[in-house]
Protein backbone atom coordinates (compact mmCIF):
# COMPACT_ATOMS: atom_id res chain seq x y z
CA MET A 1 225.85 84.62 68.28
CA LYS A 2 224.95 88.27 68.60
CA LYS A 3 221.40 88.99 69.69
CA ILE A 4 219.28 90.60 67.00
CA LYS A 5 215.84 92.12 67.08
CA ARG A 6 213.18 90.18 65.19
CA CYS A 7 209.72 90.96 63.84
CA ARG A 8 206.96 89.85 66.21
CA TYR A 9 204.82 88.66 63.28
CA CYS A 10 207.14 86.84 60.86
CA GLY A 11 210.32 86.46 62.91
CA LYS A 12 212.62 88.03 60.31
CA PRO A 13 215.52 90.23 61.52
CA ILE A 14 214.58 93.92 61.74
CA ASP A 15 216.84 96.43 60.04
CA PRO A 16 219.06 97.90 62.83
CA LYS A 17 218.77 101.33 61.21
CA ARG A 18 215.09 101.52 62.13
CA ARG A 19 213.81 103.09 65.34
CA ALA A 20 214.69 101.40 68.63
CA ASP A 21 211.02 100.86 69.58
CA THR A 22 210.13 99.17 66.27
CA HIS A 23 208.80 95.60 66.62
CA PHE A 24 207.71 94.85 63.02
CA CYS A 25 209.29 94.73 59.55
CA ASP A 26 206.67 97.02 58.03
CA PRO A 27 203.19 98.47 58.87
CA SER A 28 201.35 95.71 56.95
CA GLU A 29 202.79 93.02 59.23
CA LYS A 30 201.92 95.13 62.26
CA ALA A 31 198.29 95.24 61.10
CA ALA A 32 198.29 91.48 60.45
CA PHE A 33 199.74 90.86 63.94
CA HIS A 34 196.91 92.73 65.65
CA LYS A 35 194.34 90.62 63.77
CA LEU A 36 195.62 87.46 65.47
CA ASP A 37 194.11 85.98 68.62
CA PRO A 38 195.43 87.42 71.91
CA ASP A 39 196.95 84.06 72.87
CA GLU A 40 198.74 83.77 69.52
CA ARG A 41 200.05 87.32 69.81
CA LEU A 42 201.40 86.59 73.29
CA ARG A 43 203.01 83.37 72.06
CA ARG A 44 204.81 85.13 69.22
CA ILE A 45 205.99 87.95 71.49
CA LYS A 46 207.51 85.47 73.92
CA LEU A 47 208.97 83.41 71.08
CA TYR A 48 210.63 86.13 69.01
CA ASP A 49 211.60 88.56 71.79
CA SER A 50 213.61 85.82 73.49
CA GLU A 51 215.42 84.45 70.41
CA SER A 52 218.90 85.63 69.52
CA SER A 53 219.86 83.61 66.42
CA VAL A 54 219.43 84.60 62.79
CA LEU A 55 216.34 83.34 61.01
CA ILE A 56 217.19 80.75 58.35
CA TYR A 57 214.34 79.24 56.40
CA ARG A 58 214.74 75.59 55.40
CA PRO A 59 212.65 74.62 52.36
CA GLU A 60 210.85 71.33 52.76
CA ALA A 61 208.85 69.09 50.46
CA ASN A 62 205.61 69.93 52.24
CA LYS A 63 205.37 73.70 52.28
CA PRO A 64 203.99 74.98 55.64
CA LYS A 65 200.78 76.92 55.75
CA ALA A 66 200.85 80.71 55.81
CA ASP A 67 199.95 80.81 59.49
CA ASN A 68 202.79 78.44 60.49
CA LEU A 69 206.07 80.06 61.46
CA PRO A 70 209.41 79.11 59.87
CA PRO A 71 211.49 76.82 62.11
CA ILE A 72 214.01 78.47 64.39
CA PRO A 73 217.50 76.94 64.05
CA GLN A 74 219.36 75.68 67.08
CA GLU A 75 222.85 76.84 67.96
CA ASP A 76 225.27 75.61 65.25
CA ASN A 77 228.70 74.07 65.69
CA GLU A 78 231.81 76.23 65.43
CA LYS A 79 233.20 74.19 62.52
CA PRO A 80 231.44 72.75 59.44
CA PRO A 81 230.43 69.09 59.67
CA PRO A 82 232.52 66.44 57.86
CA LEU A 83 232.02 66.30 54.08
CA ASP A 84 230.93 63.31 52.06
CA ASN A 85 232.79 62.13 48.91
CA VAL A 86 236.15 63.77 49.71
CA ILE A 87 239.33 62.55 48.01
CA PHE A 88 243.07 63.21 48.43
CA LEU A 89 244.84 63.64 45.12
CA ASN A 90 248.28 62.62 46.46
CA GLY A 91 247.18 59.35 48.02
CA PRO A 92 245.99 58.77 51.63
CA GLU A 93 245.97 61.73 53.96
CA GLU A 94 249.28 62.33 55.68
CA LYS A 95 250.17 64.92 58.25
CA SER A 96 252.97 67.14 56.98
CA ASP A 97 255.37 69.08 59.14
CA LEU A 98 254.12 72.54 58.23
CA ALA A 99 255.00 74.46 61.37
CA GLY A 100 256.58 77.13 59.23
CA ILE A 101 253.69 77.67 56.83
CA ALA A 102 252.71 81.35 56.58
CA ASN A 103 249.47 81.69 58.49
CA GLN A 104 249.28 85.13 60.00
CA ASN A 105 246.76 84.06 62.63
CA ASP A 106 249.24 81.43 64.00
CA PHE A 107 252.32 83.70 64.14
CA ASN A 108 254.02 84.12 67.50
CA TRP A 109 254.78 87.80 67.60
CA GLU A 110 256.14 87.93 71.15
CA GLU A 111 259.74 87.94 69.92
CA ASP A 112 259.17 90.95 67.69
CA GLY A 113 256.86 93.02 69.90
CA GLN A 114 253.11 93.46 70.11
CA LEU A 115 251.27 93.92 66.81
CA PRO A 116 248.55 96.55 66.42
CA ASP A 117 244.94 95.38 66.30
CA GLN A 118 244.10 93.70 63.03
CA PHE A 119 240.81 95.56 62.68
CA ILE A 120 239.65 99.01 63.68
CA ILE A 121 236.07 100.08 64.33
CA THR A 122 235.22 103.54 63.05
CA THR A 123 232.00 105.22 64.16
CA ILE A 124 230.61 107.63 61.60
CA THR A 125 227.58 109.89 61.67
CA GLU A 126 225.49 110.13 58.53
CA ASP A 127 222.51 112.30 57.73
CA ASN A 128 219.27 110.41 57.63
CA PRO A 129 218.18 110.48 53.95
CA LEU A 130 214.51 110.33 54.93
CA TYR A 131 214.93 113.28 57.32
CA VAL A 132 216.75 115.31 54.66
CA SER A 133 214.03 114.58 52.09
CA ILE A 134 211.13 115.51 54.40
CA ASN A 135 212.95 118.60 55.68
CA SER A 136 213.49 119.77 52.10
CA LYS A 137 209.76 119.36 51.36
CA LEU A 138 208.89 121.24 54.55
CA LYS A 139 211.16 124.15 53.62
CA SER A 140 209.67 124.30 50.13
CA CYS A 141 206.16 124.30 51.61
CA THR A 142 207.02 127.17 54.01
CA ASP A 143 208.56 129.23 51.18
CA ASN A 144 205.41 128.79 49.07
CA ILE A 145 203.25 130.02 51.96
CA TYR A 146 205.34 133.21 52.27
CA LYS A 147 205.22 133.80 48.51
CA LYS A 148 201.44 133.49 48.41
CA LYS A 149 201.02 135.83 51.40
CA PHE A 150 203.15 138.42 49.58
CA GLU A 151 200.93 138.08 46.50
CA ILE A 152 197.83 138.63 48.69
CA ALA A 153 199.38 141.85 50.11
CA GLN A 154 200.01 143.14 46.58
CA LEU A 155 196.42 142.40 45.54
CA GLU A 156 195.04 144.20 48.62
CA ASN A 157 197.09 147.30 47.72
CA SER A 158 195.63 147.12 44.21
CA ILE A 159 192.10 147.07 45.68
CA LYS A 160 192.84 150.19 47.77
CA PHE A 161 194.13 151.96 44.67
CA GLU A 162 191.00 151.06 42.71
CA LYS A 163 188.73 152.40 45.45
CA GLN A 164 190.57 155.75 45.43
CA ARG A 165 189.96 156.26 41.72
CA ASN A 166 187.36 159.15 41.34
CA GLY A 167 188.29 160.70 37.99
CA GLY A 168 190.45 163.45 39.49
CA ALA A 169 193.28 162.32 37.27
CA TYR A 170 191.41 163.72 34.25
CA ILE A 171 191.35 167.23 35.77
CA TYR A 172 195.02 167.11 36.76
CA ALA A 173 196.05 165.85 33.38
CA THR A 174 194.05 168.34 31.28
CA ALA A 175 195.09 171.27 33.52
CA ALA A 176 198.72 170.38 33.05
CA ILE A 177 198.31 169.95 29.31
CA GLY A 178 196.52 173.32 28.99
CA ALA A 179 199.20 175.17 30.99
CA ILE A 180 202.03 173.65 28.99
CA ALA A 181 200.34 174.42 25.66
CA ALA A 182 199.68 178.07 26.61
CA ASN A 183 203.27 178.47 27.76
CA GLU A 184 204.64 177.20 24.44
CA ILE A 185 202.35 179.50 22.43
CA SER A 186 203.27 182.62 24.43
CA LYS A 187 207.02 182.06 24.04
CA THR A 188 207.22 183.08 20.34
CA VAL A 189 206.12 186.68 19.58
CA GLN A 190 207.18 188.71 16.46
CA GLN A 191 208.17 192.28 17.38
CA VAL A 192 207.68 194.89 14.61
CA PRO A 193 208.48 198.80 14.83
CA LYS A 194 205.62 201.24 14.98
CA TYR A 195 204.27 202.66 11.69
CA THR A 196 205.44 206.20 10.75
CA LYS A 197 203.83 208.69 8.43
CA LYS A 198 206.62 208.29 6.02
CA LYS A 199 206.40 204.98 4.19
CA LYS A 200 210.01 205.19 3.20
CA TYR A 201 211.05 205.21 6.79
CA TYR A 202 208.93 202.13 7.37
CA ARG A 203 210.51 200.34 4.45
CA ASP A 204 213.94 201.22 5.72
CA SER A 205 213.16 200.36 9.30
CA ILE A 206 212.09 196.77 8.56
CA LYS A 207 215.54 196.20 7.16
CA ARG A 208 217.21 197.06 10.45
CA ALA A 209 218.42 194.38 12.75
CA ASP A 210 216.16 195.52 15.62
CA ALA A 211 213.10 194.96 13.39
CA ILE A 212 213.81 191.17 13.03
CA PRO A 213 211.25 189.04 14.96
CA THR A 214 212.71 187.79 18.25
CA GLU A 215 211.80 184.85 20.56
CA LYS A 216 211.15 185.34 24.23
CA LYS A 217 213.07 183.21 26.63
CA THR A 218 210.15 182.80 29.06
CA GLY A 219 206.42 182.41 28.53
CA ASN A 220 203.64 184.57 29.83
CA ILE A 221 202.52 183.55 33.32
CA TRP A 222 199.04 184.76 32.64
CA ALA A 223 198.82 182.65 29.51
CA MET A 224 199.84 179.57 31.52
CA LEU A 225 197.25 180.30 34.17
CA GLY A 226 194.56 180.70 31.57
CA GLY A 227 195.55 177.47 29.84
CA GLY A 228 195.46 175.61 33.15
CA VAL A 229 191.97 176.93 33.96
CA LEU A 230 190.75 175.93 30.52
CA GLY A 231 192.29 172.45 31.00
CA CYS A 232 190.52 172.05 34.36
CA PHE A 233 187.23 172.89 32.72
CA VAL A 234 187.80 170.30 29.99
CA GLY A 235 188.90 167.72 32.58
CA SER A 236 185.73 168.25 34.64
CA ILE A 237 183.62 167.58 31.58
CA MET A 238 185.56 164.35 30.84
CA LYS A 239 185.21 163.25 34.47
CA GLU A 240 181.45 163.53 34.35
CA GLU A 241 181.17 161.88 30.95
CA THR A 242 183.24 158.81 31.96
CA LYS A 243 181.85 158.37 35.46
CA GLU A 244 179.63 155.32 34.71
CA SER A 245 182.19 153.40 32.64
CA ARG A 246 184.89 154.22 35.16
CA GLU A 247 182.87 152.84 38.09
CA ALA A 248 182.02 149.66 36.17
CA ASP A 249 185.68 149.09 35.35
CA LYS A 250 186.65 149.75 38.98
CA GLN A 251 184.18 147.15 40.34
CA LYS A 252 185.31 144.60 37.78
CA ASN A 253 188.96 144.97 38.78
CA ILE A 254 188.14 144.78 42.50
CA GLN A 255 186.12 141.57 42.02
CA ASN A 256 188.97 140.03 40.04
CA TYR A 257 191.48 140.89 42.77
CA ARG A 258 189.23 139.48 45.50
CA ARG A 259 188.74 136.25 43.52
CA GLN A 260 192.51 135.83 43.27
CA ILE A 261 192.86 136.48 47.01
CA SER A 262 190.28 133.77 47.80
CA GLN A 263 192.11 131.25 45.60
CA LEU A 264 195.43 132.08 47.25
CA ASN A 265 193.88 131.69 50.73
CA LEU A 266 192.67 128.19 49.78
CA GLU A 267 196.13 127.26 48.55
CA ILE A 268 197.69 128.60 51.77
CA SER A 269 195.25 126.52 53.81
CA GLU A 270 196.28 123.34 51.96
CA LEU A 271 199.94 124.21 52.30
CA LYS A 272 199.55 124.73 56.05
CA LYS A 273 197.96 121.28 56.40
CA THR A 274 200.88 119.77 54.49
CA GLU A 275 203.30 121.79 56.62
CA THR A 276 201.73 120.41 59.80
CA GLU A 277 201.89 116.81 58.53
CA LEU A 278 205.52 117.15 57.51
CA THR A 279 206.41 118.73 60.85
CA LEU A 280 204.83 115.79 62.71
CA LYS A 281 206.67 113.26 60.52
CA LEU A 282 209.92 115.11 61.06
CA SER A 283 209.52 114.98 64.82
CA ASP A 284 209.44 111.14 64.72
CA ILE A 285 212.50 110.72 62.46
CA PRO A 286 216.07 111.00 63.75
CA LYS A 287 218.10 113.69 62.05
CA SER A 288 221.13 111.45 61.73
CA PHE A 289 222.33 108.04 62.73
CA THR A 290 225.65 106.50 63.64
CA LYS A 291 227.05 103.24 62.40
CA GLU A 292 230.20 101.29 62.97
CA ILE A 293 232.46 100.29 60.10
CA LYS A 294 234.95 97.47 60.58
CA GLU A 295 238.07 97.99 58.49
CA ILE A 296 241.49 96.42 58.28
CA ASN A 297 243.96 98.43 60.34
CA PRO A 298 246.59 100.00 58.02
CA ALA A 299 249.09 99.89 60.89
CA TYR A 300 248.59 96.13 61.11
CA GLU A 301 249.18 95.69 57.36
CA ASN A 302 252.32 97.83 57.52
CA ALA A 303 253.59 95.81 60.48
CA ILE A 304 253.07 92.59 58.49
CA LYS A 305 254.90 93.98 55.46
CA ASN A 306 257.77 95.57 57.37
CA ARG A 307 258.38 92.73 59.79
CA THR A 308 261.77 91.01 59.38
CA THR A 309 263.06 87.98 61.30
CA LYS A 310 265.70 88.54 63.94
CA ARG A 311 267.07 85.03 63.71
CA ASP A 312 270.45 84.38 62.10
CA PRO A 313 269.77 81.86 59.33
CA GLU A 314 272.06 78.87 58.99
CA ASN A 315 273.54 78.85 55.52
CA ASN A 316 276.67 78.09 53.57
CA LEU A 317 276.85 81.42 51.73
CA SER A 318 279.90 82.70 53.62
CA GLY A 319 281.46 79.31 54.29
CA ASN A 320 281.51 79.81 58.05
CA THR A 321 279.11 77.06 59.06
CA SER A 322 280.21 73.67 60.27
CA ASP A 323 277.40 71.86 58.42
CA PRO A 324 277.41 72.79 54.68
CA THR A 325 274.21 70.81 54.09
CA LYS A 326 272.11 73.34 55.98
CA THR A 327 271.20 75.75 53.23
CA SER A 328 267.57 76.61 54.09
CA PHE A 329 266.24 79.43 56.20
CA SER A 330 264.16 78.80 59.30
CA GLY A 331 261.40 81.10 60.38
CA SER A 332 257.75 81.24 61.38
CA ASN A 333 256.63 82.11 57.83
CA ILE A 334 259.19 80.20 55.80
CA THR A 335 259.36 76.48 55.11
CA SER A 336 261.05 74.20 52.62
CA ALA A 337 259.70 73.53 49.15
CA LYS A 338 259.60 69.85 50.08
CA ASN A 339 256.98 70.53 52.72
CA ILE A 340 254.83 72.52 50.32
CA ALA A 341 255.16 69.87 47.60
CA GLY A 342 254.01 67.29 50.13
CA LEU A 343 250.76 69.08 50.90
CA ASN A 344 247.74 66.83 50.38
CA PRO A 345 244.59 68.86 51.11
CA PRO A 346 241.18 67.23 50.67
CA HIS A 347 239.34 67.80 47.39
CA LEU A 348 235.70 67.45 46.32
CA ASN A 349 235.09 64.30 44.31
CA LEU A 350 232.73 65.85 41.77
CA ASP A 351 231.15 63.64 39.12
CA GLY A 352 229.42 63.95 35.76
CA ILE A 353 228.96 67.35 34.16
CA TRP A 354 230.11 69.09 37.34
CA LYS A 355 233.51 67.39 37.26
CA TYR A 356 233.86 68.28 33.57
CA PHE A 357 232.92 71.90 34.34
CA LEU A 358 234.78 72.57 37.63
CA GLY A 359 237.36 69.80 37.89
CA THR A 360 238.35 68.63 41.38
CA PRO A 361 238.45 71.77 43.57
CA GLU A 362 239.61 71.91 47.17
CA ILE A 363 236.95 71.78 49.87
CA ASN A 364 237.35 75.52 50.61
CA PHE A 365 237.50 76.81 47.04
CA PHE A 366 236.31 80.32 46.10
CA ALA A 367 234.37 80.66 42.81
CA ILE A 368 232.54 83.50 41.07
CA PHE A 369 229.73 83.19 38.51
CA TYR A 370 229.16 86.51 36.76
CA GLY A 371 227.03 87.74 33.87
CA MET A 372 224.37 90.19 32.70
CA SER A 373 220.88 90.31 34.16
CA GLY A 374 218.79 87.34 33.00
CA SER A 375 221.79 85.38 31.73
CA GLY A 376 221.11 82.43 34.07
CA LYS A 377 223.80 82.92 36.73
CA SER A 378 221.31 82.54 39.62
CA HIS A 379 219.97 79.32 38.04
CA LEU A 380 223.54 78.03 37.84
CA ALA A 381 224.19 78.93 41.49
CA MET A 382 220.93 77.24 42.57
CA GLN A 383 221.78 74.06 40.62
CA ALA A 384 225.22 74.04 42.26
CA ALA A 385 223.59 74.45 45.69
CA VAL A 386 221.26 71.49 45.15
CA TYR A 387 224.07 69.29 43.79
CA LEU A 388 226.54 70.15 46.57
CA ALA A 389 223.91 69.63 49.30
CA LYS A 390 222.89 66.22 47.93
CA ARG A 391 226.41 64.91 47.39
CA PHE A 392 228.65 66.61 49.96
CA GLY A 393 227.30 68.59 52.93
CA ARG A 394 225.45 71.58 54.35
CA VAL A 395 224.77 74.51 51.99
CA LEU A 396 223.52 78.01 52.82
CA TYR A 397 222.10 79.95 49.85
CA ILE A 398 221.90 83.69 50.61
CA SER A 399 219.29 85.30 48.34
CA ALA A 400 219.83 89.04 48.69
CA GLU A 401 218.45 89.97 45.25
CA GLU A 402 215.12 88.12 45.37
CA ALA A 403 214.90 87.50 49.16
CA PHE A 404 211.95 85.28 50.12
CA SER A 405 209.88 86.33 47.08
CA SER A 406 207.48 84.23 45.02
CA THR A 407 210.01 84.02 42.15
CA PHE A 408 212.66 82.64 44.50
CA GLY A 409 210.18 80.13 45.86
CA MET A 410 209.37 79.03 42.32
CA LYS A 411 213.10 78.45 41.64
CA LEU A 412 213.35 76.32 44.77
CA ARG A 413 210.42 74.18 43.66
CA THR A 414 211.54 73.77 40.05
CA MET A 415 215.09 72.88 41.15
CA GLY A 416 213.76 70.23 43.53
CA ALA A 417 215.24 72.04 46.53
CA GLY A 418 212.29 71.06 48.72
CA ASP A 419 213.57 67.48 48.88
CA VAL A 420 217.10 68.47 49.95
CA GLU A 421 217.57 68.27 53.70
CA ARG A 422 221.00 69.92 53.89
CA LEU A 423 220.08 73.07 51.94
CA ASP A 424 219.16 76.24 53.88
CA VAL A 425 218.33 79.69 52.52
CA SER A 426 218.59 83.15 54.06
CA ASP A 427 217.59 86.69 53.04
CA ILE A 428 220.21 88.78 54.84
CA ARG A 429 221.18 91.85 52.81
CA THR A 430 224.78 92.93 53.58
CA GLY A 431 228.25 91.45 53.86
CA GLU A 432 228.47 92.71 57.44
CA ASP A 433 225.40 90.60 58.27
CA ILE A 434 227.20 87.49 56.99
CA LEU A 435 230.02 88.18 59.45
CA LYS A 436 227.66 88.94 62.33
CA LEU A 437 224.73 86.56 61.87
CA ILE A 438 225.92 83.43 60.05
CA SER A 439 227.68 80.80 62.14
CA ASN A 440 230.60 78.73 60.85
CA SER A 441 228.54 75.55 60.44
CA TYR A 442 228.16 75.26 56.67
CA ASN A 443 230.34 73.46 54.17
CA PHE A 444 229.24 75.70 51.30
CA LEU A 445 228.19 79.36 51.23
CA ILE A 446 226.52 80.76 48.10
CA ILE A 447 226.07 84.57 47.94
CA ASP A 448 223.59 85.97 45.41
CA SER A 449 224.76 88.55 44.73
CA LEU A 450 228.00 90.30 45.71
CA ASN A 451 226.87 93.60 44.16
CA THR A 452 223.49 93.68 45.88
CA MET A 453 225.08 92.98 49.27
CA GLY A 454 227.81 95.60 48.71
CA ILE A 455 230.63 93.11 49.31
CA THR A 456 233.98 94.78 48.61
CA PRO A 457 237.31 92.94 48.30
CA ALA A 458 238.11 93.89 51.92
CA ILE A 459 234.82 92.45 53.21
CA MET A 460 235.28 89.31 51.11
CA LYS A 461 238.70 88.77 52.71
CA LEU A 462 237.05 88.99 56.14
CA ILE A 463 234.36 86.50 55.08
CA ARG A 464 236.93 84.04 53.75
CA ALA A 465 238.98 84.44 56.93
CA LYS A 466 235.96 83.59 59.07
CA PHE A 467 234.77 80.69 56.87
CA LYS A 468 238.24 79.33 56.10
CA ASP A 469 237.01 75.71 55.92
CA THR A 470 233.97 76.59 53.78
CA ALA A 471 233.70 76.76 50.00
CA ILE A 472 232.24 80.07 48.79
CA ILE A 473 230.45 80.73 45.51
CA GLY A 474 229.70 84.36 44.71
CA VAL A 475 227.24 85.56 42.07
CA ALA A 476 228.19 88.89 40.49
CA GLN A 477 226.85 91.22 37.83
CA SER A 478 228.81 92.13 34.70
CA THR A 479 229.08 95.14 32.43
CA LYS A 480 228.04 95.25 28.77
CA THR A 481 231.66 94.51 27.87
CA ASN A 482 231.52 91.18 29.81
CA LEU A 483 233.68 92.41 32.68
CA ILE A 484 232.72 91.85 36.30
CA ARG A 485 231.03 94.89 37.79
CA GLY A 486 233.03 96.48 40.60
CA SER A 487 236.57 95.81 41.74
CA TYR A 488 238.55 93.21 39.77
CA GLU A 489 240.51 92.35 42.91
CA ILE A 490 237.86 89.78 43.87
CA VAL A 491 238.50 87.94 40.57
CA HIS A 492 242.25 87.88 41.29
CA ASP A 493 241.60 86.37 44.74
CA SER A 494 239.25 83.68 43.40
CA ASP A 495 240.16 80.12 42.46
CA LEU A 496 237.56 79.76 39.71
CA THR A 497 235.45 82.14 37.62
CA ALA A 498 232.83 81.47 34.98
CA ILE A 499 231.08 83.97 32.74
CA VAL A 500 227.40 83.26 32.08
CA SER A 501 225.68 84.42 28.88
CA LYS A 502 222.36 83.29 27.42
CA GLY A 503 222.16 80.20 29.60
CA VAL A 504 225.72 78.97 28.95
CA ALA A 505 228.53 79.22 31.52
CA ILE A 506 232.17 79.11 30.40
CA THR A 507 235.10 78.95 32.81
CA ASP A 508 237.65 81.71 32.16
CA LYS A 509 239.78 80.99 35.25
CA ASN A 510 240.30 77.65 37.01
CA ARG A 511 243.19 76.65 39.22
CA PHE A 512 242.09 73.00 39.21
CA GLN A 513 241.94 72.26 35.46
CA GLU A 514 242.05 73.90 32.03
CA ILE A 515 239.65 76.74 31.25
CA GLY A 516 237.03 77.03 28.50
CA ARG A 517 234.74 74.27 29.82
CA GLU A 518 231.06 74.91 29.02
CA PHE A 519 227.99 74.23 31.15
CA ASN A 520 224.56 74.51 29.47
CA ILE A 521 222.47 75.68 32.40
CA PHE A 522 218.99 75.19 30.99
CA ASP A 523 219.78 71.85 29.34
CA VAL A 524 220.92 70.47 32.69
CA TYR A 525 217.85 72.01 34.29
CA LYS A 526 215.56 70.28 31.76
CA LYS A 527 217.30 66.92 32.24
CA ASN A 528 216.95 67.14 36.01
CA ASN A 529 213.25 67.98 35.75
CA SER A 530 212.53 65.28 33.21
CA LYS A 531 213.66 62.54 35.62
């Protein structure tokens, strides 16, 4: 079994995505560890740093104290132990000649060349979400500091402008107004001919065209100068009259600007503290991390599909064979229908309500219980775990949704799981962990739930290939339209499915008997607890 790193306080596996020098699940357990006696700390360090197997907690009737550690399992066998209450539907067990049954792992490919690797390992690099989040906050903090410094510079320029205000603007403004007004007045002048002694001549002369008033194109420069001087005089008077009010207004504006600058400086100081803290956090967090993804090799699948036998089959299609009775093909993945019809695999001899509900499934059946949140599918899976452990063999219940929480512990107690010796529970969180950490020593594997653990159809095929002699029950979530959430390919690959709604499970697929059988989860639960 692959060595894993475990928490020095509780012994649980540590997430491999965490830092390499991490020795605890979270800071609270680190603090609790340092409160222990030195001898106890040394004992736990030696115990957990030397262990390499996955932690599996076995519920018992007498719950251990908080200070006691969960038991550490010994190395398990490679195959599940023999089952109790197994039956053969076609009479006593007989060994059939199934050398030609299609089992890809038993094929002899030497005649057709070397196959590609069945799986490929791809290493990918992903950005650390925590690093990206903190880096975004740090950038925002730095931008705010620059913005506030720019606002301070603008306010300081406003203070300089206020200090330079001395009323000179009044003089400049009134001088300009006076010059412009005098220029406009001097532009229009009515020109009239000189008076003569003869009035008649005067009357006639005003009728001539040259006696019509005319407008000058330019003003009088002297008039403009006089207007400007008069404006300066008026501006000087206004300057002196408004001196006190002007100074009071100037001081008020300067104080307001300085108050805003002080507030901005305080905000910058807080932002710099935050910037320093974020920079320190960022220095301890890796920018990215790499992980390995195990996938089915497309080249391997294509080789399986495209492979054709090179043997010449014996047949009577062309009439050229000496033995006309030989009409069947021979090959590593082909056998006669008689051999298949003679198969007699072992089945589980269920009884009572479970036989009515599930029938008589094979010992390595694959079932799915799915439903909405709170419908009772986890209760159904837990009841199945207790029943299978009591009657047949070893059961591992993987609780990824609730983990080792108080609610999960309450379910174990109410279901009477503490009295079941062959029932183990685990809190691993991904389908890859099932492949890496769980040994092939259980007769039944219950996964709660497939969605929480991110188990895709490809990963489920790998799990079933590893645990080929183990029955698997998967718990899955459903949509509002009562369809399983995620890929429907898992349903197609299953032997049995049951939809759970409001505490009632109904089989909608069953290869071992007719569908539509109901199982009232909470009624069975009440009957079991009333005994």
